Amino acid sequence: MKTNEILENIKARRSVRAYTSQQVSEEDLQAVLEAAIYAPSGMHLETWHFTAIQNIDKLTELNERIKGAFAKSEDTRLQERGHSKTYCCYYHAPTLVIVSNEPTQWWAGMDCACAIENMFLAAQSLGIGSCWINQLGTTCDDSEVREFITSLGVPENHKVYGCVALGYVDPETPMKEKKVKAGTLTIVK
């Protein structure tokens, strides 16, 4: 099968859920964020916003507010996470990027997904682990969560479509091998 550096980078990327405490450098963070803003966007509107958090105290408070929203949920599984002393929605990554957009266009979430994938691939190319974090997307309208993320710089009129955890892979945690599911491709000629 044909390959090159970009295709190999895509194949090598995995979701990382165990990180060291080493912070992502300013230069590497800027490179990952630049990759995000070069993603395609519907009608080239670029109404998205990227809020990068590297302050551990702010990340801890964000996690606590998300857990508070989960504790109020009617979903038993979310309630358990909300009351857990050890639950951390961003897996203790030293950097979290909140990806938000104006929810006025139906493609806003797709624009964010393209930007998130660009961040994943850029991070992989720099030796940085990453993981898609969904929890803030489902809790961003909780009043306590909204107040906090707005104070961090997420525009008030934005919905959170996902977050990117970034950090260095904990060497003690083995990486899973990617298993490609059969029957997922169809080519019509």
Protein backbone atom coordinates (compact mmCIF):
# COMPACT_ATOMS: atom_id res chain seq x y z
CA MET A 1 0.00 0.00 0.00
CA LYS A 2 1.26 3.49 -0.81
CA THR A 3 2.70 5.50 2.08
CA ASN A 4 4.55 8.68 2.98
CA GLU A 5 5.40 10.67 6.12
CA ILE A 6 1.93 12.20 6.45
CA LEU A 7 0.13 8.88 5.97
CA GLU A 8 2.41 7.20 8.51
CA ASN A 9 1.74 10.04 11.00
CA ILE A 10 -2.01 9.49 10.58
CA LYS A 11 -1.62 5.74 11.15
CA ALA A 12 0.58 6.23 14.22
CA ARG A 13 -1.76 8.57 16.14
CA ARG A 14 -3.63 7.07 19.10
CA SER A 15 -5.83 8.49 21.83
CA VAL A 16 -3.69 8.96 24.93
CA ARG A 17 -5.26 8.69 28.37
CA ALA A 18 -2.15 8.68 30.56
CA TYR A 19 0.31 11.59 30.55
CA THR A 20 3.47 12.69 32.31
CA SER A 21 3.39 16.02 34.14
CA GLN A 22 5.81 17.59 31.61
CA GLN A 23 4.18 20.68 30.10
CA VAL A 24 3.89 21.16 26.34
CA SER A 25 6.31 23.91 25.31
CA GLU A 26 5.04 27.29 24.12
CA GLU A 27 6.57 26.67 20.69
CA ASP A 28 4.90 23.27 20.30
CA LEU A 29 1.56 24.57 21.58
CA GLN A 30 1.70 27.41 19.05
CA ALA A 31 2.42 24.90 16.26
CA VAL A 32 -0.56 22.74 17.29
CA LEU A 33 -2.87 25.77 17.48
CA GLU A 34 -1.64 27.01 14.11
CA ALA A 35 -2.54 23.64 12.62
CA ALA A 36 -6.06 24.12 14.02
CA ILE A 37 -6.60 27.48 12.35
CA TYR A 38 -5.48 26.06 9.01
CA ALA A 39 -8.32 23.51 9.04
CA PRO A 40 -11.14 23.99 6.54
CA SER A 41 -14.20 25.90 7.70
CA GLY A 42 -17.63 26.28 6.12
CA MET A 43 -17.69 29.27 3.76
CA HIS A 44 -14.31 30.18 5.29
CA LEU A 45 -16.15 31.95 8.12
CA GLU A 46 -13.70 30.76 10.80
CA THR A 47 -16.13 31.55 13.62
CA TRP A 48 -14.35 29.08 15.89
CA HIS A 49 -12.26 29.89 18.96
CA PHE A 50 -9.46 27.95 20.66
CA THR A 51 -8.84 28.42 24.37
CA ALA A 52 -5.64 26.71 25.55
CA ILE A 53 -5.28 26.09 29.30
CA GLN A 54 -1.93 25.14 30.82
CA ASN A 55 -2.66 26.26 34.38
CA ILE A 56 -3.12 23.14 36.54
CA ASP A 57 -5.29 24.99 39.10
CA LYS A 58 -7.64 26.19 36.33
CA LEU A 59 -7.79 22.68 34.84
CA THR A 60 -8.60 21.22 38.26
CA GLU A 61 -11.38 23.76 38.81
CA LEU A 62 -12.78 23.10 35.34
CA ASN A 63 -12.88 19.37 36.11
CA GLU A 64 -14.66 20.05 39.42
CA ARG A 65 -17.28 22.19 37.69
CA ILE A 66 -17.84 19.53 35.05
CA LYS A 67 -18.22 16.95 37.81
CA GLY A 68 -20.73 19.28 39.50
CA ALA A 69 -22.80 19.36 36.30
CA PHE A 70 -22.57 15.57 36.04
CA ALA A 71 -23.74 15.19 39.64
CA LYS A 72 -26.98 17.02 38.68
CA SER A 73 -27.59 14.74 35.68
CA GLU A 74 -30.39 12.19 35.50
CA ASP A 75 -27.92 9.73 33.91
CA THR A 76 -26.66 7.33 36.59
CA ARG A 77 -23.28 6.87 34.91
CA LEU A 78 -22.71 10.64 34.80
CA GLN A 79 -23.83 10.99 38.43
CA GLU A 80 -21.19 8.41 39.41
CA ARG A 81 -18.51 10.43 37.62
CA GLY A 82 -19.81 13.59 39.26
CA HIS A 83 -19.40 12.12 42.73
CA SER A 84 -16.10 10.35 42.07
CA LYS A 85 -13.06 11.68 43.94
CA THR A 86 -10.67 10.40 41.24
CA TYR A 87 -12.50 11.18 37.99
CA CYS A 88 -10.63 13.53 35.67
CA CYS A 89 -12.27 14.20 32.33
CA TYR A 90 -9.00 15.34 30.70
CA TYR A 91 -6.88 12.45 32.08
CA HIS A 92 -4.56 14.88 33.91
CA ALA A 93 -3.04 16.14 30.66
CA PRO A 94 -0.97 19.26 31.32
CA THR A 95 -2.65 21.16 28.45
CA LEU A 96 -6.29 21.29 27.39
CA VAL A 97 -7.56 23.16 24.33
CA ILE A 98 -11.25 24.05 24.36
CA VAL A 99 -12.66 24.22 20.82
CA SER A 100 -15.81 26.31 20.54
CA ASN A 101 -17.86 27.91 17.80
CA GLU A 102 -20.92 30.04 17.19
CA PRO A 103 -23.77 27.53 16.99
CA THR A 104 -25.58 29.61 14.35
CA GLN A 105 -24.36 27.57 11.37
CA TRP A 106 -25.23 23.89 11.04
CA TRP A 107 -21.63 23.07 10.13
CA ALA A 108 -20.06 24.67 13.23
CA GLY A 109 -19.38 21.31 14.86
CA MET A 110 -17.88 19.92 11.66
CA ASP A 111 -15.52 22.89 11.42
CA CYS A 112 -14.40 22.19 14.98
CA ALA A 113 -13.93 18.48 14.22
CA CYS A 114 -11.62 19.34 11.30
CA ALA A 115 -9.60 21.67 13.54
CA ILE A 116 -9.40 19.04 16.28
CA GLU A 117 -8.10 16.42 13.86
CA ASN A 118 -5.47 18.87 12.61
CA MET A 119 -4.38 19.39 16.23
CA PHE A 120 -4.16 15.62 16.78
CA LEU A 121 -1.99 15.13 13.72
CA ALA A 122 0.24 18.12 14.49
CA ALA A 123 0.69 16.90 18.06
CA GLN A 124 1.57 13.40 16.84
CA SER A 125 4.17 14.81 14.46
CA LEU A 126 5.78 16.66 17.41
CA GLY A 127 5.85 13.63 19.72
CA ILE A 128 2.92 14.89 21.81
CA GLY A 129 0.03 12.65 22.83
CA SER A 130 -3.58 13.77 22.46
CA CYS A 131 -7.14 12.73 23.16
CA TRP A 132 -10.58 14.05 22.20
CA ILE A 133 -12.42 15.18 25.33
CA ASN A 134 -16.23 15.44 25.03
CA GLN A 135 -17.41 16.20 28.55
CA LEU A 136 -17.30 19.99 28.27
CA GLY A 137 -19.46 19.84 25.15
CA THR A 138 -22.29 18.31 27.14
CA THR A 139 -21.86 20.55 30.19
CA CYS A 140 -20.94 23.95 28.72
CA ASP A 141 -24.46 25.29 29.27
CA ASP A 142 -24.49 24.46 32.97
CA SER A 143 -24.43 27.90 34.66
CA GLU A 144 -21.39 27.19 36.85
CA VAL A 145 -19.44 25.66 33.97
CA ARG A 146 -20.43 28.47 31.58
CA GLU A 147 -19.39 31.17 34.04
CA PHE A 148 -15.97 29.57 34.45
CA ILE A 149 -15.21 28.89 30.78
CA THR A 150 -16.27 32.43 29.90
CA SER A 151 -13.78 33.71 32.48
CA LEU A 152 -11.12 31.60 30.73
CA GLY A 153 -11.80 33.25 27.38
CA VAL A 154 -14.42 31.06 25.69
CA PRO A 155 -16.81 33.51 23.96
CA GLU A 156 -20.18 33.69 25.72
CA ASN A 157 -22.12 33.00 22.54
CA HIS A 158 -20.12 29.85 21.74
CA LYS A 159 -20.96 26.20 22.20
CA VAL A 160 -18.10 23.87 23.04
CA TYR A 161 -17.80 21.16 20.39
CA GLY A 162 -14.86 19.32 21.88
CA CYS A 163 -11.56 19.65 23.70
CA VAL A 164 -8.07 18.38 22.99
CA ALA A 165 -5.95 16.98 25.81
CA LEU A 166 -2.24 17.41 25.04
CA GLY A 167 0.81 16.06 26.80
CA TYR A 168 3.59 13.52 26.76
CA VAL A 169 2.67 9.85 26.89
CA ASP A 170 3.26 8.12 30.22
CA PRO A 171 5.91 5.53 29.30
CA GLU A 172 4.41 3.09 31.83
CA THR A 173 1.16 2.86 29.86
CA PRO A 174 1.24 0.60 26.79
CA MET A 175 -0.28 1.98 23.59
CA LYS A 176 -3.02 -0.09 22.02
CA GLU A 177 -2.55 -1.35 18.51
CA LYS A 178 -5.08 0.02 16.04
CA LYS A 179 -7.42 -2.64 14.75
CA VAL A 180 -9.15 -1.61 11.55
CA LYS A 181 -12.71 -2.87 11.39
CA ALA A 182 -13.45 -4.92 8.27
CA GLY A 183 -16.17 -3.82 5.90
CA THR A 184 -15.87 -0.06 6.52
CA LEU A 185 -14.73 0.83 2.98
CA THR A 186 -16.72 0.85 -0.23
CA ILE A 187 -15.28 2.06 -3.51
CA VAL A 188 -17.68 2.70 -6.37
CA LYS A 189 -16.11 3.08 -9.84
